[in-house]
Amino acid sequence: MSGTEDAPKRKRGRPSGKNRVPLSTEERRARNALYERERREGLGEALKDLGELFECDQNISTHKLLEMVYKTIKKSKKESKRTTKKKRTIEELLSQNLAISEEIKKLEEDLDEFSLRDWVDMPEEGYG
């Protein structure tokens, strides 16, 4: 058994092993050019999609596009914080309103009970 049979299969790159033939300079340049072309195509596609998402001119520079995206995200984040703060304030006010409503209900019940007690305990000579 040789060491290459036991080695796990490589997912990328050239196969490992003693018997592999090294790439020539020309083959290495071609491979690197292919990798660079794929990288640029991927980046170009991503920038195109981003430009379409923000509905801007196809010929906009990468710098301008990224600047616009940055400003939009920053503005959105600021608005999100503001909205969250407003929601928290509304929730606090609703909670306070509920507590006050419950207190009013309790006081009204106490008042009704107090008025009823006074009416029942009132002497008869007080009517006329």
C-alpha atoms as a PDB file:
ATOM      1  CA  MET A   1       0.000   0.000   0.000  1.00  0.00           C
ATOM      2  CA  SER A   2       1.303   3.382  -0.915  1.00  0.00           C
ATOM      3  CA  GLY A   3       0.636   6.602   1.035  1.00  0.00           C
ATOM      4  CA  THR A   4      -1.379   8.211  -1.780  1.00  0.00           C
ATOM      5  CA  GLU A   5      -4.097   5.520  -1.685  1.00  0.00           C
ATOM      6  CA  ASP A   6      -4.777   6.140   2.011  1.00  0.00           C
ATOM      7  CA  ALA A   7      -4.780   9.932   1.665  1.00  0.00           C
ATOM      8  CA  PRO A   8      -8.199  11.612   1.479  1.00  0.00           C
ATOM      9  CA  LYS A   9      -9.278  12.965  -1.890  1.00  0.00           C
ATOM     10  CA  ARG A  10      -8.485  16.628  -2.355  1.00  0.00           C
ATOM     11  CA  LYS A  11     -11.392  18.846  -3.209  1.00  0.00           C
ATOM     12  CA  ARG A  12      -9.395  21.560  -4.975  1.00  0.00           C
ATOM     13  CA  GLY A  13      -6.000  22.079  -6.531  1.00  0.00           C
ATOM     14  CA  ARG A  14      -3.657  19.626  -8.061  1.00  0.00           C
ATOM     15  CA  PRO A  15      -3.532  16.023  -6.874  1.00  0.00           C
ATOM     16  CA  SER A  16      -0.971  15.273  -4.219  1.00  0.00           C
ATOM     17  CA  GLY A  17       1.623  12.638  -4.696  1.00  0.00           C
ATOM     18  CA  LYS A  18       5.204  11.924  -5.665  1.00  0.00           C
ATOM     19  CA  ASN A  19       4.495  11.079  -9.281  1.00  0.00           C
ATOM     20  CA  ARG A  20       2.726  14.260 -10.316  1.00  0.00           C
ATOM     21  CA  VAL A  21       4.279  16.323 -13.039  1.00  0.00           C
ATOM     22  CA  PRO A  22       4.914  19.923 -12.022  1.00  0.00           C
ATOM     23  CA  LEU A  23       3.146  22.634 -13.992  1.00  0.00           C
ATOM     24  CA  SER A  24       5.188  24.626 -16.417  1.00  0.00           C
ATOM     25  CA  THR A  25       5.404  28.396 -16.046  1.00  0.00           C
ATOM     26  CA  GLU A  26       2.998  28.816 -18.952  1.00  0.00           C
ATOM     27  CA  GLU A  27       0.481  26.390 -17.411  1.00  0.00           C
ATOM     28  CA  ARG A  28       0.717  28.187 -14.044  1.00  0.00           C
ATOM     29  CA  ARG A  29       0.119  31.553 -15.715  1.00  0.00           C
ATOM     30  CA  ALA A  30      -2.892  30.160 -17.583  1.00  0.00           C
ATOM     31  CA  ARG A  31      -4.322  28.667 -14.401  1.00  0.00           C
ATOM     32  CA  ASN A  32      -3.830  31.909 -12.463  1.00  0.00           C
ATOM     33  CA  ALA A  33      -5.378  33.898 -15.306  1.00  0.00           C
ATOM     34  CA  LEU A  34      -8.401  31.589 -15.221  1.00  0.00           C
ATOM     35  CA  TYR A  35      -8.779  32.031 -11.453  1.00  0.00           C
ATOM     36  CA  GLU A  36      -8.497  35.817 -11.799  1.00  0.00           C
ATOM     37  CA  ARG A  37     -11.037  35.879 -14.644  1.00  0.00           C
ATOM     38  CA  GLU A  38     -13.498  33.853 -12.553  1.00  0.00           C
ATOM     39  CA  ARG A  39     -12.949  36.167  -9.584  1.00  0.00           C
ATOM     40  CA  ARG A  40     -13.538  39.295 -11.678  1.00  0.00           C
ATOM     41  CA  GLU A  41     -16.635  37.804 -13.314  1.00  0.00           C
ATOM     42  CA  GLY A  42     -18.076  36.974  -9.897  1.00  0.00           C
ATOM     43  CA  LEU A  43     -17.311  40.441  -8.588  1.00  0.00           C
ATOM     44  CA  GLY A  44     -18.765  42.050 -11.727  1.00  0.00           C
ATOM     45  CA  GLU A  45     -21.948  40.020 -11.423  1.00  0.00           C
ATOM     46  CA  ALA A  46     -22.324  40.941  -7.752  1.00  0.00           C
ATOM     47  CA  LEU A  47     -21.832  44.648  -8.529  1.00  0.00           C
ATOM     48  CA  LYS A  48     -24.330  44.430 -11.391  1.00  0.00           C
ATOM     49  CA  ASP A  49     -26.926  42.832  -9.088  1.00  0.00           C
ATOM     50  CA  LEU A  50     -26.254  45.485  -6.449  1.00  0.00           C
ATOM     51  CA  GLY A  51     -26.689  48.240  -9.047  1.00  0.00           C
ATOM     52  CA  GLU A  52     -29.997  46.743 -10.179  1.00  0.00           C
ATOM     53  CA  LEU A  53     -31.161  46.452  -6.585  1.00  0.00           C
ATOM     54  CA  PHE A  54     -30.469  50.149  -5.995  1.00  0.00           C
ATOM     55  CA  GLU A  55     -31.864  51.093  -9.434  1.00  0.00           C
ATOM     56  CA  CYS A  56     -28.857  53.074 -10.562  1.00  0.00           C
ATOM     57  CA  ASP A  57     -27.081  53.563 -13.887  1.00  0.00           C
ATOM     58  CA  GLN A  58     -25.225  50.519 -15.248  1.00  0.00           C
ATOM     59  CA  ASN A  59     -22.139  52.622 -15.862  1.00  0.00           C
ATOM     60  CA  ILE A  60     -21.818  53.848 -12.272  1.00  0.00           C
ATOM     61  CA  SER A  61     -18.352  53.423 -10.827  1.00  0.00           C
ATOM     62  CA  THR A  62     -17.757  50.810  -8.159  1.00  0.00           C
ATOM     63  CA  HIS A  63     -16.718  53.550  -5.751  1.00  0.00           C
ATOM     64  CA  LYS A  64     -19.955  55.528  -6.255  1.00  0.00           C
ATOM     65  CA  LEU A  65     -22.095  52.383  -6.024  1.00  0.00           C
ATOM     66  CA  LEU A  66     -20.489  51.244  -2.775  1.00  0.00           C
ATOM     67  CA  GLU A  67     -20.741  54.761  -1.347  1.00  0.00           C
ATOM     68  CA  MET A  68     -24.464  54.850  -2.173  1.00  0.00           C
ATOM     69  CA  VAL A  69     -25.013  51.410  -0.631  1.00  0.00           C
ATOM     70  CA  TYR A  70     -23.106  52.447   2.506  1.00  0.00           C
ATOM     71  CA  LYS A  71     -25.166  55.630   2.949  1.00  0.00           C
ATOM     72  CA  THR A  72     -28.423  53.746   2.407  1.00  0.00           C
ATOM     73  CA  ILE A  73     -27.533  51.077   4.956  1.00  0.00           C
ATOM     74  CA  LYS A  74     -26.392  53.704   7.462  1.00  0.00           C
ATOM     75  CA  LYS A  75     -29.656  55.669   7.015  1.00  0.00           C
ATOM     76  CA  SER A  76     -31.711  52.489   7.338  1.00  0.00           C
ATOM     77  CA  LYS A  77     -29.892  51.509  10.512  1.00  0.00           C
ATOM     78  CA  LYS A  78     -30.501  54.959  12.025  1.00  0.00           C
ATOM     79  CA  GLU A  79     -34.214  54.796  11.127  1.00  0.00           C
ATOM     80  CA  SER A  80     -34.415  51.300  12.584  1.00  0.00           C
ATOM     81  CA  LYS A  81     -32.991  52.530  15.897  1.00  0.00           C
ATOM     82  CA  ARG A  82     -35.460  55.423  15.900  1.00  0.00           C
ATOM     83  CA  THR A  83     -38.375  53.082  15.169  1.00  0.00           C
ATOM     84  CA  THR A  84     -37.266  50.685  17.902  1.00  0.00           C
ATOM     85  CA  LYS A  85     -37.065  53.571  20.370  1.00  0.00           C
ATOM     86  CA  LYS A  86     -40.571  54.733  19.397  1.00  0.00           C
ATOM     87  CA  LYS A  87     -41.923  51.192  19.780  1.00  0.00           C
ATOM     88  CA  ARG A  88     -40.374  50.981  23.233  1.00  0.00           C
ATOM     89  CA  THR A  89     -41.931  54.329  24.196  1.00  0.00           C
ATOM     90  CA  ILE A  90     -45.336  53.233  22.926  1.00  0.00           C
ATOM     91  CA  GLU A  91     -45.079  49.959  24.836  1.00  0.00           C
ATOM     92  CA  GLU A  92     -44.145  51.832  28.023  1.00  0.00           C
ATOM     93  CA  LEU A  93     -47.071  54.230  27.587  1.00  0.00           C
ATOM     94  CA  LEU A  94     -49.496  51.367  26.968  1.00  0.00           C
ATOM     95  CA  SER A  95     -48.230  49.615  30.077  1.00  0.00           C
ATOM     96  CA  GLN A  96     -48.627  52.791  32.149  1.00  0.00           C
ATOM     97  CA  ASN A  97     -52.103  53.347  30.668  1.00  0.00           C
ATOM     98  CA  LEU A  98     -53.138  49.825  31.642  1.00  0.00           C
ATOM     99  CA  ALA A  99     -51.834  50.288  35.196  1.00  0.00           C
ATOM    100  CA  ILE A 100     -53.694  53.619  35.544  1.00  0.00           C
ATOM    101  CA  SER A 101     -56.900  52.075  34.147  1.00  0.00           C
ATOM    102  CA  GLU A 102     -56.695  49.272  36.689  1.00  0.00           C
ATOM    103  CA  GLU A 103     -56.107  51.791  39.487  1.00  0.00           C
ATOM    104  CA  ILE A 104     -59.108  53.884  38.341  1.00  0.00           C
ATOM    105  CA  LYS A 105     -61.310  50.768  38.297  1.00  0.00           C
ATOM    106  CA  LYS A 106     -60.198  49.841  41.822  1.00  0.00           C
ATOM    107  CA  LEU A 107     -60.840  53.389  43.092  1.00  0.00           C
ATOM    108  CA  GLU A 108     -64.291  53.444  41.481  1.00  0.00           C
ATOM    109  CA  GLU A 109     -65.135  50.153  43.208  1.00  0.00           C
ATOM    110  CA  ASP A 110     -63.906  51.563  46.531  1.00  0.00           C
ATOM    111  CA  LEU A 111     -65.981  54.708  45.971  1.00  0.00           C
ATOM    112  CA  ASP A 112     -69.092  52.694  45.164  1.00  0.00           C
ATOM    113  CA  GLU A 113     -68.577  50.577  48.260  1.00  0.00           C
ATOM    114  CA  PHE A 114     -67.987  53.666  50.420  1.00  0.00           C
ATOM    115  CA  SER A 115     -71.101  55.457  49.038  1.00  0.00           C
ATOM    116  CA  LEU A 116     -73.257  52.374  49.539  1.00  0.00           C
ATOM    117  CA  ARG A 117     -72.034  51.981  53.121  1.00  0.00           C
ATOM    118  CA  ASP A 118     -72.822  55.649  53.895  1.00  0.00           C
ATOM    119  CA  TRP A 119     -76.285  55.331  52.405  1.00  0.00           C
ATOM    120  CA  VAL A 120     -77.084  52.184  54.388  1.00  0.00           C
ATOM    121  CA  ASP A 121     -75.704  53.614  57.664  1.00  0.00           C
ATOM    122  CA  MET A 122     -77.497  56.956  57.230  1.00  0.00           C
ATOM    123  CA  PRO A 123     -79.965  57.713  60.078  1.00  0.00           C
ATOM    124  CA  GLU A 124     -83.626  57.954  59.158  1.00  0.00           C
ATOM    125  CA  GLU A 125     -84.017  61.455  60.568  1.00  0.00           C
ATOM    126  CA  GLY A 126     -81.609  62.720  57.917  1.00  0.00           C
ATOM    127  CA  TYR A 127     -84.218  62.360  55.144  1.00  0.00           C
ATOM    128  CA  GLY A 128     -86.659  64.955  56.039  1.00  0.00           C
END
